[in-house]
Protein backbone atom coordinates (compact mmCIF):
# COMPACT_ATOMS: atom_id res chain seq x y z
CA UNK A 1 0.00 0.00 0.00
CA UNK A 2 1.30 3.43 -0.89
CA UNK A 3 1.46 5.74 2.11
CA UNK A 4 -0.78 8.75 1.38
CA UNK A 5 0.96 11.08 3.86
CA UNK A 6 3.71 11.12 6.45
CA UNK A 7 2.51 11.30 10.02
CA UNK A 8 3.28 14.49 11.93
CA UNK A 9 5.59 13.38 14.71
CA UNK A 10 6.30 15.31 17.91
CA UNK A 11 8.70 14.58 20.72
CA UNK A 12 7.02 13.12 23.80
CA UNK A 13 8.64 11.31 26.72
CA UNK A 14 11.28 8.83 25.56
CA UNK A 15 10.23 9.00 21.94
CA UNK A 16 7.84 10.46 19.44
CA UNK A 17 4.07 10.41 18.92
CA UNK A 18 1.78 11.30 16.07
CA UNK A 19 -1.95 12.02 16.42
CA UNK A 20 -3.41 11.59 12.92
CA UNK A 21 -6.95 12.14 14.23
CA UNK A 22 -5.96 15.24 16.22
CA UNK A 23 -4.89 15.90 19.78
CA UNK A 24 -8.48 15.68 21.04
CA UNK A 25 -8.31 11.89 20.46
CA UNK A 26 -4.98 10.93 22.07
CA UNK A 27 -5.81 7.21 22.24
CA UNK A 28 -5.72 7.08 18.42
CA UNK A 29 -2.03 7.47 17.82
CA UNK A 30 1.25 6.22 16.44
CA UNK A 31 4.27 6.00 18.67
CA UNK A 32 8.02 5.44 18.34
CA UNK A 33 10.18 5.11 21.43
CA UNK A 34 13.66 4.01 22.34
CA UNK A 35 13.53 0.65 24.10
CA UNK A 36 17.21 0.78 25.04
CA UNK A 37 20.44 -0.62 23.79
CA UNK A 38 21.14 -4.28 23.23
CA UNK A 39 24.01 -6.50 22.30
CA UNK A 40 23.44 -8.21 18.98
CA UNK A 41 26.07 -10.79 17.94
CA UNK A 42 29.42 -9.02 18.45
CA UNK A 43 27.96 -5.49 18.41
CA UNK A 44 27.43 -3.84 21.79
CA UNK A 45 25.12 -0.86 22.25
CA UNK A 46 22.68 -1.38 19.37
CA UNK A 47 19.68 0.93 19.86
CA UNK A 48 16.29 -0.74 19.53
CA UNK A 49 13.22 1.32 18.71
CA UNK A 50 9.67 0.17 19.35
CA UNK A 51 6.83 1.36 17.15
CA UNK A 52 3.09 1.01 17.63
CA UNK A 53 -0.16 2.24 16.15
CA UNK A 54 -3.40 2.16 18.09
CA UNK A 55 -7.06 2.86 17.47
CA UNK A 56 -8.92 1.15 20.32
CA UNK A 57 -11.54 -1.27 19.08
CA UNK A 58 -10.14 -1.25 15.56
CA UNK A 59 -6.42 -1.94 15.31
CA UNK A 60 -3.36 -2.23 17.53
CA UNK A 61 -0.09 -3.17 15.89
CA UNK A 62 3.54 -2.80 16.75
CA UNK A 63 7.09 -4.04 16.42
CA UNK A 64 10.69 -3.03 16.83
CA UNK A 65 13.58 -2.12 14.58
CA UNK A 66 17.17 -0.97 14.88
CA UNK A 67 16.56 2.59 13.72
CA UNK A 68 14.30 5.45 14.67
CA UNK A 69 13.54 6.28 11.04
CA UNK A 70 12.69 2.68 10.16
CA UNK A 71 10.33 2.50 13.15
CA UNK A 72 8.66 5.76 12.09
CA UNK A 73 8.30 4.43 8.53
CA UNK A 74 6.80 1.16 9.74
CA UNK A 75 4.42 2.95 12.10
CA UNK A 76 3.31 5.25 9.29
CA UNK A 77 2.73 2.30 6.96
CA UNK A 78 0.87 0.36 9.67
CA UNK A 79 -1.32 3.38 10.50
CA UNK A 80 -2.55 3.75 6.92
CA UNK A 81 -3.00 -0.02 6.52
CA UNK A 82 -5.02 -0.04 9.75
CA UNK A 83 -7.22 2.84 8.61
CA UNK A 84 -7.80 1.08 5.29
CA UNK A 85 -8.81 -2.18 7.01
CA UNK A 86 -12.51 -3.09 7.32
CA UNK A 87 -14.41 -1.28 10.04
CA UNK A 88 -15.15 -3.67 12.88
CA UNK A 89 -18.78 -4.43 13.59
CA UNK A 90 -20.37 -4.13 16.97
CA UNK A 91 -22.84 -6.97 16.44
CA UNK A 92 -24.24 -6.88 19.99
CA UNK A 93 -25.15 -3.21 19.62
CA UNK A 94 -26.64 -3.75 16.16
CA UNK A 95 -28.84 -6.54 17.50
CA UNK A 96 -29.87 -4.47 20.52
CA UNK A 97 -30.81 -1.55 18.26
CA UNK A 98 -32.91 -3.76 15.96
CA UNK A 99 -34.68 -5.24 19.00
CA UNK A 100 -35.27 -1.78 20.49
CA UNK A 101 -36.70 -0.41 17.23
CA UNK A 102 -38.90 -3.36 16.28
CA UNK A 103 -42.09 -1.69 17.56
CA UNK A 104 -41.44 1.68 15.87
CA UNK A 105 -39.41 1.04 12.71
CA UNK A 106 -39.46 -1.66 10.08
CA UNK A 107 -36.57 -4.08 10.26
CA UNK A 108 -34.09 -3.54 7.43
CA UNK A 109 -34.30 -6.26 4.77
CA UNK A 110 -30.51 -6.48 4.93
CA UNK A 111 -30.74 -8.56 8.12
CA UNK A 112 -31.70 -11.57 6.01
CA UNK A 113 -28.28 -11.32 4.41
CA UNK A 114 -26.64 -11.82 7.81
CA UNK A 115 -25.19 -15.13 8.89
CA UNK A 116 -27.12 -17.65 10.97
CA UNK A 117 -25.39 -16.79 14.29
CA UNK A 118 -26.50 -13.15 13.87
CA UNK A 119 -30.10 -14.19 13.18
CA UNK A 120 -30.10 -16.66 16.10
CA UNK A 121 -28.71 -13.99 18.40
CA UNK A 122 -31.39 -11.51 17.30
CA UNK A 123 -34.07 -14.14 17.83
CA UNK A 124 -32.71 -14.92 21.31
CA UNK A 125 -32.56 -11.21 22.18
CA UNK A 126 -36.19 -10.79 21.18
CA UNK A 127 -37.17 -13.87 23.22
CA UNK A 128 -35.49 -12.47 26.30
CA UNK A 129 -36.81 -8.95 25.77
CA UNK A 130 -40.40 -10.09 25.24
CA UNK A 131 -40.43 -13.08 27.57
CA UNK A 132 -43.33 -11.82 29.71
CA UNK A 133 -45.46 -11.01 26.67
CA UNK A 134 -44.75 -14.46 25.20
CA UNK A 135 -45.76 -16.17 28.44
CA UNK A 136 -49.06 -14.23 28.46
CA UNK A 137 -49.50 -14.90 24.72
CA UNK A 138 -49.60 -11.13 24.12
CA UNK A 139 -46.63 -10.72 21.83
CA UNK A 140 -46.90 -7.45 19.83
CA UNK A 141 -47.59 -8.14 16.15
CA UNK A 142 -44.33 -6.62 14.80
CA UNK A 143 -42.29 -8.74 17.23
CA UNK A 144 -44.26 -11.90 16.52
CA UNK A 145 -43.90 -11.34 12.76
CA UNK A 146 -40.15 -10.74 13.01
CA UNK A 147 -39.59 -13.76 15.23
CA UNK A 148 -41.62 -15.90 12.85
CA UNK A 149 -39.68 -14.61 9.83
CA UNK A 150 -36.35 -15.22 11.58
CA UNK A 151 -37.40 -18.77 12.50
CA UNK A 152 -38.54 -19.42 8.93
CA UNK A 153 -35.29 -18.07 7.49
CA UNK A 154 -33.18 -20.20 9.83
CA UNK A 155 -35.34 -23.24 8.99
CA UNK A 156 -34.99 -22.55 5.26
CA UNK A 157 -31.22 -22.37 5.64
CA UNK A 158 -31.13 -25.64 7.58
CA UNK A 159 -33.12 -27.37 4.84
CA UNK A 160 -30.71 -25.95 2.26
CA UNK A 161 -27.79 -27.40 4.23
CA UNK A 162 -26.49 -24.06 5.43
CA UNK A 163 -25.23 -23.53 8.98
CA UNK A 164 -25.64 -27.05 10.29
CA UNK A 165 -24.38 -26.86 13.87
CA UNK A 166 -25.51 -27.80 17.37
CA UNK A 167 -26.79 -24.33 18.27
CA UNK A 168 -28.93 -24.23 15.14
CA UNK A 169 -30.28 -27.70 15.97
CA UNK A 170 -31.17 -26.67 19.52
CA UNK A 171 -32.80 -23.44 18.32
CA UNK A 172 -35.03 -25.38 15.92
CA UNK A 173 -36.75 -27.07 18.86
CA UNK A 174 -38.26 -23.78 20.05
CA UNK A 175 -41.28 -22.03 18.58
CA UNK A 176 -42.09 -18.35 18.20
CA UNK A 177 -43.70 -18.34 21.63
CA UNK A 178 -40.40 -19.25 23.26
CA UNK A 179 -41.76 -22.59 24.41
CA UNK A 180 -40.83 -26.01 23.04
CA UNK A 181 -42.63 -26.96 19.83
CA UNK A 182 -45.14 -29.72 20.17
CA UNK A 183 -44.64 -32.67 17.84
C-alpha atoms as a PDB file:
ATOM      1  CA  UNK A   1       0.000   0.000   0.000  1.00  0.00           C
ATOM      2  CA  UNK A   2       1.302   3.429  -0.887  1.00  0.00           C
ATOM      3  CA  UNK A   3       1.464   5.740   2.106  1.00  0.00           C
ATOM      4  CA  UNK A   4      -0.780   8.749   1.378  1.00  0.00           C
ATOM      5  CA  UNK A   5       0.960  11.077   3.862  1.00  0.00           C
ATOM      6  CA  UNK A   6       3.710  11.116   6.449  1.00  0.00           C
ATOM      7  CA  UNK A   7       2.514  11.297  10.016  1.00  0.00           C
ATOM      8  CA  UNK A   8       3.285  14.492  11.927  1.00  0.00           C
ATOM      9  CA  UNK A   9       5.592  13.377  14.711  1.00  0.00           C
ATOM     10  CA  UNK A  10       6.298  15.307  17.905  1.00  0.00           C
ATOM     11  CA  UNK A  11       8.704  14.579  20.724  1.00  0.00           C
ATOM     12  CA  UNK A  12       7.021  13.117  23.804  1.00  0.00           C
ATOM     13  CA  UNK A  13       8.636  11.310  26.720  1.00  0.00           C
ATOM     14  CA  UNK A  14      11.280   8.831  25.555  1.00  0.00           C
ATOM     15  CA  UNK A  15      10.233   8.997  21.942  1.00  0.00           C
ATOM     16  CA  UNK A  16       7.838  10.464  19.441  1.00  0.00           C
ATOM     17  CA  UNK A  17       4.073  10.412  18.921  1.00  0.00           C
ATOM     18  CA  UNK A  18       1.777  11.301  16.070  1.00  0.00           C
ATOM     19  CA  UNK A  19      -1.946  12.021  16.417  1.00  0.00           C
ATOM     20  CA  UNK A  20      -3.412  11.593  12.917  1.00  0.00           C
ATOM     21  CA  UNK A  21      -6.953  12.142  14.226  1.00  0.00           C
ATOM     22  CA  UNK A  22      -5.959  15.240  16.216  1.00  0.00           C
ATOM     23  CA  UNK A  23      -4.890  15.897  19.782  1.00  0.00           C
ATOM     24  CA  UNK A  24      -8.483  15.677  21.035  1.00  0.00           C
ATOM     25  CA  UNK A  25      -8.310  11.890  20.459  1.00  0.00           C
ATOM     26  CA  UNK A  26      -4.983  10.935  22.069  1.00  0.00           C
ATOM     27  CA  UNK A  27      -5.806   7.211  22.241  1.00  0.00           C
ATOM     28  CA  UNK A  28      -5.721   7.081  18.425  1.00  0.00           C
ATOM     29  CA  UNK A  29      -2.031   7.470  17.825  1.00  0.00           C
ATOM     30  CA  UNK A  30       1.250   6.225  16.436  1.00  0.00           C
ATOM     31  CA  UNK A  31       4.272   6.000  18.672  1.00  0.00           C
ATOM     32  CA  UNK A  32       8.016   5.436  18.340  1.00  0.00           C
ATOM     33  CA  UNK A  33      10.180   5.114  21.427  1.00  0.00           C
ATOM     34  CA  UNK A  34      13.659   4.010  22.340  1.00  0.00           C
ATOM     35  CA  UNK A  35      13.535   0.649  24.096  1.00  0.00           C
ATOM     36  CA  UNK A  36      17.210   0.780  25.044  1.00  0.00           C
ATOM     37  CA  UNK A  37      20.444  -0.623  23.787  1.00  0.00           C
ATOM     38  CA  UNK A  38      21.141  -4.280  23.233  1.00  0.00           C
ATOM     39  CA  UNK A  39      24.014  -6.503  22.302  1.00  0.00           C
ATOM     40  CA  UNK A  40      23.441  -8.215  18.985  1.00  0.00           C
ATOM     41  CA  UNK A  41      26.065 -10.791  17.940  1.00  0.00           C
ATOM     42  CA  UNK A  42      29.422  -9.017  18.450  1.00  0.00           C
ATOM     43  CA  UNK A  43      27.965  -5.495  18.411  1.00  0.00           C
ATOM     44  CA  UNK A  44      27.427  -3.838  21.791  1.00  0.00           C
ATOM     45  CA  UNK A  45      25.122  -0.861  22.251  1.00  0.00           C
ATOM     46  CA  UNK A  46      22.677  -1.377  19.370  1.00  0.00           C
ATOM     47  CA  UNK A  47      19.676   0.927  19.860  1.00  0.00           C
ATOM     48  CA  UNK A  48      16.286  -0.739  19.531  1.00  0.00           C
ATOM     49  CA  UNK A  49      13.216   1.315  18.715  1.00  0.00           C
ATOM     50  CA  UNK A  50       9.668   0.169  19.353  1.00  0.00           C
ATOM     51  CA  UNK A  51       6.832   1.362  17.145  1.00  0.00           C
ATOM     52  CA  UNK A  52       3.093   1.006  17.626  1.00  0.00           C
ATOM     53  CA  UNK A  53      -0.157   2.236  16.149  1.00  0.00           C
ATOM     54  CA  UNK A  54      -3.402   2.157  18.093  1.00  0.00           C
ATOM     55  CA  UNK A  55      -7.057   2.860  17.466  1.00  0.00           C
ATOM     56  CA  UNK A  56      -8.921   1.147  20.321  1.00  0.00           C
ATOM     57  CA  UNK A  57     -11.541  -1.267  19.084  1.00  0.00           C
ATOM     58  CA  UNK A  58     -10.144  -1.251  15.559  1.00  0.00           C
ATOM     59  CA  UNK A  59      -6.422  -1.937  15.312  1.00  0.00           C
ATOM     60  CA  UNK A  60      -3.364  -2.229  17.535  1.00  0.00           C
ATOM     61  CA  UNK A  61      -0.088  -3.166  15.887  1.00  0.00           C
ATOM     62  CA  UNK A  62       3.540  -2.804  16.754  1.00  0.00           C
ATOM     63  CA  UNK A  63       7.085  -4.042  16.417  1.00  0.00           C
ATOM     64  CA  UNK A  64      10.691  -3.034  16.831  1.00  0.00           C
ATOM     65  CA  UNK A  65      13.581  -2.118  14.582  1.00  0.00           C
ATOM     66  CA  UNK A  66      17.171  -0.974  14.885  1.00  0.00           C
ATOM     67  CA  UNK A  67      16.563   2.590  13.719  1.00  0.00           C
ATOM     68  CA  UNK A  68      14.304   5.446  14.674  1.00  0.00           C
ATOM     69  CA  UNK A  69      13.543   6.277  11.036  1.00  0.00           C
ATOM     70  CA  UNK A  70      12.689   2.675  10.157  1.00  0.00           C
ATOM     71  CA  UNK A  71      10.329   2.500  13.150  1.00  0.00           C
ATOM     72  CA  UNK A  72       8.656   5.759  12.089  1.00  0.00           C
ATOM     73  CA  UNK A  73       8.298   4.429   8.528  1.00  0.00           C
ATOM     74  CA  UNK A  74       6.800   1.156   9.738  1.00  0.00           C
ATOM     75  CA  UNK A  75       4.418   2.948  12.101  1.00  0.00           C
ATOM     76  CA  UNK A  76       3.308   5.253   9.286  1.00  0.00           C
ATOM     77  CA  UNK A  77       2.732   2.305   6.956  1.00  0.00           C
ATOM     78  CA  UNK A  78       0.874   0.359   9.669  1.00  0.00           C
ATOM     79  CA  UNK A  79      -1.319   3.383  10.495  1.00  0.00           C
ATOM     80  CA  UNK A  80      -2.551   3.747   6.920  1.00  0.00           C
ATOM     81  CA  UNK A  81      -3.000  -0.016   6.519  1.00  0.00           C
ATOM     82  CA  UNK A  82      -5.018  -0.042   9.748  1.00  0.00           C
ATOM     83  CA  UNK A  83      -7.221   2.840   8.615  1.00  0.00           C
ATOM     84  CA  UNK A  84      -7.802   1.075   5.287  1.00  0.00           C
ATOM     85  CA  UNK A  85      -8.812  -2.177   7.013  1.00  0.00           C
ATOM     86  CA  UNK A  86     -12.508  -3.087   7.323  1.00  0.00           C
ATOM     87  CA  UNK A  87     -14.414  -1.282  10.038  1.00  0.00           C
ATOM     88  CA  UNK A  88     -15.154  -3.672  12.883  1.00  0.00           C
ATOM     89  CA  UNK A  89     -18.780  -4.433  13.592  1.00  0.00           C
ATOM     90  CA  UNK A  90     -20.374  -4.131  16.969  1.00  0.00           C
ATOM     91  CA  UNK A  91     -22.842  -6.971  16.440  1.00  0.00           C
ATOM     92  CA  UNK A  92     -24.235  -6.875  19.989  1.00  0.00           C
ATOM     93  CA  UNK A  93     -25.149  -3.209  19.625  1.00  0.00           C
ATOM     94  CA  UNK A  94     -26.639  -3.749  16.157  1.00  0.00           C
ATOM     95  CA  UNK A  95     -28.842  -6.538  17.499  1.00  0.00           C
ATOM     96  CA  UNK A  96     -29.872  -4.470  20.524  1.00  0.00           C
ATOM     97  CA  UNK A  97     -30.813  -1.553  18.258  1.00  0.00           C
ATOM     98  CA  UNK A  98     -32.913  -3.758  15.958  1.00  0.00           C
ATOM     99  CA  UNK A  99     -34.682  -5.240  18.996  1.00  0.00           C
ATOM    100  CA  UNK A 100     -35.273  -1.783  20.491  1.00  0.00           C
ATOM    101  CA  UNK A 101     -36.700  -0.410  17.232  1.00  0.00           C
ATOM    102  CA  UNK A 102     -38.897  -3.357  16.283  1.00  0.00           C
ATOM    103  CA  UNK A 103     -42.085  -1.691  17.563  1.00  0.00           C
ATOM    104  CA  UNK A 104     -41.442   1.685  15.874  1.00  0.00           C
ATOM    105  CA  UNK A 105     -39.408   1.041  12.715  1.00  0.00           C
ATOM    106  CA  UNK A 106     -39.462  -1.664  10.081  1.00  0.00           C
ATOM    107  CA  UNK A 107     -36.568  -4.079  10.264  1.00  0.00           C
ATOM    108  CA  UNK A 108     -34.093  -3.540   7.425  1.00  0.00           C
ATOM    109  CA  UNK A 109     -34.304  -6.257   4.767  1.00  0.00           C
ATOM    110  CA  UNK A 110     -30.513  -6.476   4.927  1.00  0.00           C
ATOM    111  CA  UNK A 111     -30.739  -8.559   8.117  1.00  0.00           C
ATOM    112  CA  UNK A 112     -31.702 -11.566   6.006  1.00  0.00           C
ATOM    113  CA  UNK A 113     -28.282 -11.322   4.405  1.00  0.00           C
ATOM    114  CA  UNK A 114     -26.642 -11.823   7.809  1.00  0.00           C
ATOM    115  CA  UNK A 115     -25.189 -15.132   8.889  1.00  0.00           C
ATOM    116  CA  UNK A 116     -27.119 -17.654  10.974  1.00  0.00           C
ATOM    117  CA  UNK A 117     -25.385 -16.794  14.291  1.00  0.00           C
ATOM    118  CA  UNK A 118     -26.495 -13.153  13.866  1.00  0.00           C
ATOM    119  CA  UNK A 119     -30.097 -14.193  13.183  1.00  0.00           C
ATOM    120  CA  UNK A 120     -30.101 -16.655  16.104  1.00  0.00           C
ATOM    121  CA  UNK A 121     -28.710 -13.992  18.403  1.00  0.00           C
ATOM    122  CA  UNK A 122     -31.389 -11.512  17.301  1.00  0.00           C
ATOM    123  CA  UNK A 123     -34.073 -14.145  17.833  1.00  0.00           C
ATOM    124  CA  UNK A 124     -32.712 -14.919  21.314  1.00  0.00           C
ATOM    125  CA  UNK A 125     -32.557 -11.205  22.181  1.00  0.00           C
ATOM    126  CA  UNK A 126     -36.193 -10.793  21.177  1.00  0.00           C
ATOM    127  CA  UNK A 127     -37.167 -13.869  23.216  1.00  0.00           C
ATOM    128  CA  UNK A 128     -35.485 -12.467  26.303  1.00  0.00           C
ATOM    129  CA  UNK A 129     -36.814  -8.947  25.766  1.00  0.00           C
ATOM    130  CA  UNK A 130     -40.404 -10.087  25.241  1.00  0.00           C
ATOM    131  CA  UNK A 131     -40.432 -13.083  27.574  1.00  0.00           C
ATOM    132  CA  UNK A 132     -43.333 -11.822  29.711  1.00  0.00           C
ATOM    133  CA  UNK A 133     -45.463 -11.010  26.672  1.00  0.00           C
ATOM    134  CA  UNK A 134     -44.750 -14.455  25.196  1.00  0.00           C
ATOM    135  CA  UNK A 135     -45.764 -16.167  28.440  1.00  0.00           C
ATOM    136  CA  UNK A 136     -49.057 -14.230  28.462  1.00  0.00           C
ATOM    137  CA  UNK A 137     -49.497 -14.901  24.716  1.00  0.00           C
ATOM    138  CA  UNK A 138     -49.603 -11.129  24.118  1.00  0.00           C
ATOM    139  CA  UNK A 139     -46.626 -10.718  21.831  1.00  0.00           C
ATOM    140  CA  UNK A 140     -46.904  -7.452  19.828  1.00  0.00           C
ATOM    141  CA  UNK A 141     -47.591  -8.139  16.149  1.00  0.00           C
ATOM    142  CA  UNK A 142     -44.333  -6.624  14.803  1.00  0.00           C
ATOM    143  CA  UNK A 143     -42.289  -8.737  17.235  1.00  0.00           C
ATOM    144  CA  UNK A 144     -44.262 -11.902  16.516  1.00  0.00           C
ATOM    145  CA  UNK A 145     -43.896 -11.340  12.759  1.00  0.00           C
ATOM    146  CA  UNK A 146     -40.148 -10.741  13.009  1.00  0.00           C
ATOM    147  CA  UNK A 147     -39.590 -13.762  15.232  1.00  0.00           C
ATOM    148  CA  UNK A 148     -41.617 -15.899  12.849  1.00  0.00           C
ATOM    149  CA  UNK A 149     -39.678 -14.610   9.830  1.00  0.00           C
ATOM    150  CA  UNK A 150     -36.352 -15.225  11.576  1.00  0.00           C
ATOM    151  CA  UNK A 151     -37.396 -18.771  12.497  1.00  0.00           C
ATOM    152  CA  UNK A 152     -38.543 -19.423   8.932  1.00  0.00           C
ATOM    153  CA  UNK A 153     -35.295 -18.073   7.495  1.00  0.00           C
ATOM    154  CA  UNK A 154     -33.180 -20.204   9.830  1.00  0.00           C
ATOM    155  CA  UNK A 155     -35.339 -23.244   8.988  1.00  0.00           C
ATOM    156  CA  UNK A 156     -34.993 -22.549   5.262  1.00  0.00           C
ATOM    157  CA  UNK A 157     -31.224 -22.375   5.643  1.00  0.00           C
ATOM    158  CA  UNK A 158     -31.125 -25.639   7.583  1.00  0.00           C
ATOM    159  CA  UNK A 159     -33.119 -27.367   4.839  1.00  0.00           C
ATOM    160  CA  UNK A 160     -30.711 -25.954   2.258  1.00  0.00           C
ATOM    161  CA  UNK A 161     -27.788 -27.399   4.226  1.00  0.00           C
ATOM    162  CA  UNK A 162     -26.491 -24.065   5.435  1.00  0.00           C
ATOM    163  CA  UNK A 163     -25.235 -23.526   8.984  1.00  0.00           C
ATOM    164  CA  UNK A 164     -25.641 -27.046  10.290  1.00  0.00           C
ATOM    165  CA  UNK A 165     -24.385 -26.863  13.873  1.00  0.00           C
ATOM    166  CA  UNK A 166     -25.509 -27.800  17.370  1.00  0.00           C
ATOM    167  CA  UNK A 167     -26.795 -24.327  18.274  1.00  0.00           C
ATOM    168  CA  UNK A 168     -28.934 -24.232  15.140  1.00  0.00           C
ATOM    169  CA  UNK A 169     -30.278 -27.696  15.968  1.00  0.00           C
ATOM    170  CA  UNK A 170     -31.170 -26.666  19.523  1.00  0.00           C
ATOM    171  CA  UNK A 171     -32.804 -23.437  18.317  1.00  0.00           C
ATOM    172  CA  UNK A 172     -35.027 -25.380  15.924  1.00  0.00           C
ATOM    173  CA  UNK A 173     -36.754 -27.068  18.860  1.00  0.00           C
ATOM    174  CA  UNK A 174     -38.261 -23.777  20.049  1.00  0.00           C
ATOM    175  CA  UNK A 175     -41.276 -22.033  18.580  1.00  0.00           C
ATOM    176  CA  UNK A 176     -42.094 -18.352  18.199  1.00  0.00           C
ATOM    177  CA  UNK A 177     -43.705 -18.341  21.634  1.00  0.00           C
ATOM    178  CA  UNK A 178     -40.397 -19.249  23.262  1.00  0.00           C
ATOM    179  CA  UNK A 179     -41.760 -22.588  24.412  1.00  0.00           C
ATOM    180  CA  UNK A 180     -40.832 -26.013  23.041  1.00  0.00           C
ATOM    181  CA  UNK A 181     -42.628 -26.960  19.831  1.00  0.00           C
ATOM    182  CA  UNK A 182     -45.145 -29.724  20.169  1.00  0.00           C
ATOM    183  CA  UNK A 183     -44.644 -32.666  17.844  1.00  0.00           C
END
